Amino acid sequence: MGVACRTPNHFACDRIGLAIYLREPARRVEAQIDGRDFELKENDLSKGRDFTGYLQPAGLLDGSLELSPDASNGRWIGREHVSTAVALSVHHADGEMRTTDLEIGLNAGWG
């Protein structure tokens, strides 16, 4: 999970990216952070194992992922560890749905 703004290390766009890699293929993956739901899309050629999604607003300005600049020009380079609870729902092709709650750290960059 990382800050996904166009300008590196600036977080004013209040957007994060989340990527997950599964051991078993799935047909759909959903995530929830601070009560906000978003769907992760399957990446090309991943055969149901690699999913990515974006959340905006993400709470970088006033939520559980709230950041304070830790470098010049209002940048955040990750000196302070920031993490949040992420709930995942994984929907498998056979109809089974598995859920899990994770504490995931935030990286200063994305991609």
C-alpha atoms as a PDB file:
ATOM      1  CA  MET A   1       0.000   0.000   0.000  1.00  0.00           C
ATOM      2  CA  GLY A   2       1.433   3.364  -0.946  1.00  0.00           C
ATOM      3  CA  VAL A   3       0.693   7.037  -1.509  1.00  0.00           C
ATOM      4  CA  ALA A   4      -0.439   7.305  -5.143  1.00  0.00           C
ATOM      5  CA  CYS A   5      -0.296  11.005  -6.004  1.00  0.00           C
ATOM      6  CA  ARG A   6       1.126  12.300  -9.292  1.00  0.00           C
ATOM      7  CA  THR A   7       3.870  14.316  -7.583  1.00  0.00           C
ATOM      8  CA  PRO A   8       6.308  12.004  -5.777  1.00  0.00           C
ATOM      9  CA  ASN A   9       6.192  12.180  -1.978  1.00  0.00           C
ATOM     10  CA  HIS A  10       3.350  14.726  -1.940  1.00  0.00           C
ATOM     11  CA  PHE A  11       0.112  13.514  -0.387  1.00  0.00           C
ATOM     12  CA  ALA A  12      -2.322  16.386  -0.968  1.00  0.00           C
ATOM     13  CA  CYS A  13      -4.274  14.335  -3.559  1.00  0.00           C
ATOM     14  CA  ASP A  14      -5.286  12.020  -0.648  1.00  0.00           C
ATOM     15  CA  ARG A  15      -5.032   8.838  -2.759  1.00  0.00           C
ATOM     16  CA  ILE A  16      -3.512   5.440  -2.020  1.00  0.00           C
ATOM     17  CA  GLY A  17      -2.936   2.315  -4.053  1.00  0.00           C
ATOM     18  CA  LEU A  18      -3.309  -1.198  -2.660  1.00  0.00           C
ATOM     19  CA  ALA A  19      -2.007  -4.340  -4.367  1.00  0.00           C
ATOM     20  CA  ILE A  20      -2.472  -7.915  -3.237  1.00  0.00           C
ATOM     21  CA  TYR A  21      -1.108 -11.190  -4.515  1.00  0.00           C
ATOM     22  CA  LEU A  22      -3.059 -14.377  -3.840  1.00  0.00           C
ATOM     23  CA  ARG A  23      -1.891 -17.983  -3.557  1.00  0.00           C
ATOM     24  CA  GLU A  24      -5.149 -19.195  -5.109  1.00  0.00           C
ATOM     25  CA  PRO A  25      -7.000 -17.504  -7.971  1.00  0.00           C
ATOM     26  CA  ALA A  26     -10.037 -15.340  -7.239  1.00  0.00           C
ATOM     27  CA  ARG A  27     -12.689 -13.726  -9.423  1.00  0.00           C
ATOM     28  CA  ARG A  28     -13.159 -10.566  -7.324  1.00  0.00           C
ATOM     29  CA  VAL A  29     -11.456  -8.782  -4.416  1.00  0.00           C
ATOM     30  CA  GLU A  30     -12.866  -5.970  -2.288  1.00  0.00           C
ATOM     31  CA  ALA A  31     -11.156  -3.926   0.410  1.00  0.00           C
ATOM     32  CA  GLN A  32     -12.342  -1.627   3.167  1.00  0.00           C
ATOM     33  CA  ILE A  33     -10.399   1.084   4.987  1.00  0.00           C
ATOM     34  CA  ASP A  34     -12.081   3.278   7.617  1.00  0.00           C
ATOM     35  CA  GLY A  35     -15.539   2.109   6.498  1.00  0.00           C
ATOM     36  CA  ARG A  36     -14.886   3.006   2.855  1.00  0.00           C
ATOM     37  CA  ASP A  37     -15.221   0.140   0.371  1.00  0.00           C
ATOM     38  CA  PHE A  38     -13.352  -0.148  -2.901  1.00  0.00           C
ATOM     39  CA  GLU A  39     -12.867  -2.910  -5.433  1.00  0.00           C
ATOM     40  CA  LEU A  40      -9.500  -4.149  -6.596  1.00  0.00           C
ATOM     41  CA  LYS A  41      -9.217  -4.983 -10.286  1.00  0.00           C
ATOM     42  CA  GLU A  42      -7.419  -8.030 -11.631  1.00  0.00           C
ATOM     43  CA  ASN A  43      -4.168  -7.142 -13.349  1.00  0.00           C
ATOM     44  CA  ASP A  44      -3.690  -8.357 -16.920  1.00  0.00           C
ATOM     45  CA  LEU A  45      -2.352 -11.886 -17.312  1.00  0.00           C
ATOM     46  CA  SER A  46      -2.422 -12.572 -13.550  1.00  0.00           C
ATOM     47  CA  LYS A  47      -4.849 -15.508 -13.809  1.00  0.00           C
ATOM     48  CA  GLY A  48      -6.839 -14.238 -10.825  1.00  0.00           C
ATOM     49  CA  ARG A  49      -3.909 -13.878  -8.424  1.00  0.00           C
ATOM     50  CA  ASP A  50      -2.829 -10.224  -8.710  1.00  0.00           C
ATOM     51  CA  PHE A  51      -5.224  -7.358  -7.882  1.00  0.00           C
ATOM     52  CA  THR A  52      -4.813  -3.585  -7.549  1.00  0.00           C
ATOM     53  CA  GLY A  53      -7.153  -0.819  -6.393  1.00  0.00           C
ATOM     54  CA  TYR A  54      -7.150   2.840  -5.421  1.00  0.00           C
ATOM     55  CA  LEU A  55      -8.941   4.734  -2.668  1.00  0.00           C
ATOM     56  CA  GLN A  56      -9.589   8.479  -2.801  1.00  0.00           C
ATOM     57  CA  PRO A  57     -10.096  10.151  -0.407  1.00  0.00           C
ATOM     58  CA  ALA A  58      -7.879   7.803   1.554  1.00  0.00           C
ATOM     59  CA  GLY A  59      -7.621   9.613   4.884  1.00  0.00           C
ATOM     60  CA  LEU A  60      -4.092  10.937   4.347  1.00  0.00           C
ATOM     61  CA  LEU A  61      -5.244  14.419   5.330  1.00  0.00           C
ATOM     62  CA  ASP A  62      -7.645  13.639   8.180  1.00  0.00           C
ATOM     63  CA  GLY A  63      -8.208   9.909   8.654  1.00  0.00           C
ATOM     64  CA  SER A  64      -6.503   6.817  10.023  1.00  0.00           C
ATOM     65  CA  LEU A  65      -3.651   7.334   7.548  1.00  0.00           C
ATOM     66  CA  GLU A  66      -3.187  11.015   8.408  1.00  0.00           C
ATOM     67  CA  LEU A  67       0.275  12.198   7.424  1.00  0.00           C
ATOM     68  CA  SER A  68       2.466  15.099   8.467  1.00  0.00           C
ATOM     69  CA  PRO A  69       5.257  16.318   6.212  1.00  0.00           C
ATOM     70  CA  ASP A  70       8.624  14.879   7.236  1.00  0.00           C
ATOM     71  CA  ALA A  71      10.784  16.442   4.504  1.00  0.00           C
ATOM     72  CA  SER A  72      11.184  19.787   2.754  1.00  0.00           C
ATOM     73  CA  ASN A  73       8.451  21.269   0.553  1.00  0.00           C
ATOM     74  CA  GLY A  74       5.611  19.504   2.401  1.00  0.00           C
ATOM     75  CA  ARG A  75       6.737  16.028   1.346  1.00  0.00           C
ATOM     76  CA  TRP A  76       6.273  12.764   3.245  1.00  0.00           C
ATOM     77  CA  ILE A  77       9.124  10.310   2.730  1.00  0.00           C
ATOM     78  CA  GLY A  78       8.040   7.734   5.291  1.00  0.00           C
ATOM     79  CA  ARG A  79      10.234   8.531   8.287  1.00  0.00           C
ATOM     80  CA  GLU A  80       7.212   7.995  10.558  1.00  0.00           C
ATOM     81  CA  HIS A  81       5.633   4.532  10.347  1.00  0.00           C
ATOM     82  CA  VAL A  82       1.968   4.789   9.391  1.00  0.00           C
ATOM     83  CA  SER A  83      -0.375   1.810   9.106  1.00  0.00           C
ATOM     84  CA  THR A  84      -4.088   1.073   9.170  1.00  0.00           C
ATOM     85  CA  ALA A  85      -6.531  -1.813   9.366  1.00  0.00           C
ATOM     86  CA  VAL A  86      -7.576  -3.178   5.982  1.00  0.00           C
ATOM     87  CA  ALA A  87     -10.458  -5.637   5.603  1.00  0.00           C
ATOM     88  CA  LEU A  88     -10.259  -7.863   2.521  1.00  0.00           C
ATOM     89  CA  SER A  89     -13.011  -9.955   0.948  1.00  0.00           C
ATOM     90  CA  VAL A  90     -11.827 -12.472  -1.642  1.00  0.00           C
ATOM     91  CA  HIS A  91     -14.475 -14.051  -3.881  1.00  0.00           C
ATOM     92  CA  HIS A  92     -13.404 -17.334  -5.458  1.00  0.00           C
ATOM     93  CA  ALA A  93     -14.756 -18.857  -8.679  1.00  0.00           C
ATOM     94  CA  ASP A  94     -16.505 -21.665  -6.758  1.00  0.00           C
ATOM     95  CA  GLY A  95     -18.639 -19.078  -4.906  1.00  0.00           C
ATOM     96  CA  GLU A  96     -16.689 -19.227  -1.655  1.00  0.00           C
ATOM     97  CA  MET A  97     -15.826 -15.890  -0.055  1.00  0.00           C
ATOM     98  CA  ARG A  98     -12.998 -15.502   2.419  1.00  0.00           C
ATOM     99  CA  THR A  99     -12.455 -12.438   4.565  1.00  0.00           C
ATOM    100  CA  THR A 100      -9.479 -11.289   6.564  1.00  0.00           C
ATOM    101  CA  ASP A 101      -8.408  -8.228   8.527  1.00  0.00           C
ATOM    102  CA  LEU A 102      -4.830  -7.020   8.215  1.00  0.00           C
ATOM    103  CA  GLU A 103      -2.735  -4.159   9.567  1.00  0.00           C
ATOM    104  CA  ILE A 104      -0.865  -2.799   6.546  1.00  0.00           C
ATOM    105  CA  GLY A 105       1.918  -0.222   6.532  1.00  0.00           C
ATOM    106  CA  LEU A 106       1.901   2.725   4.153  1.00  0.00           C
ATOM    107  CA  ASN A 107       4.818   3.292   1.766  1.00  0.00           C
ATOM    108  CA  ALA A 108       5.824   6.776   0.669  1.00  0.00           C
ATOM    109  CA  GLY A 109       5.552   5.923  -3.010  1.00  0.00           C
ATOM    110  CA  TRP A 110       3.529   3.831  -5.394  1.00  0.00           C
ATOM    111  CA  GLY A 111       4.498   2.038  -8.535  1.00  0.00           C
END
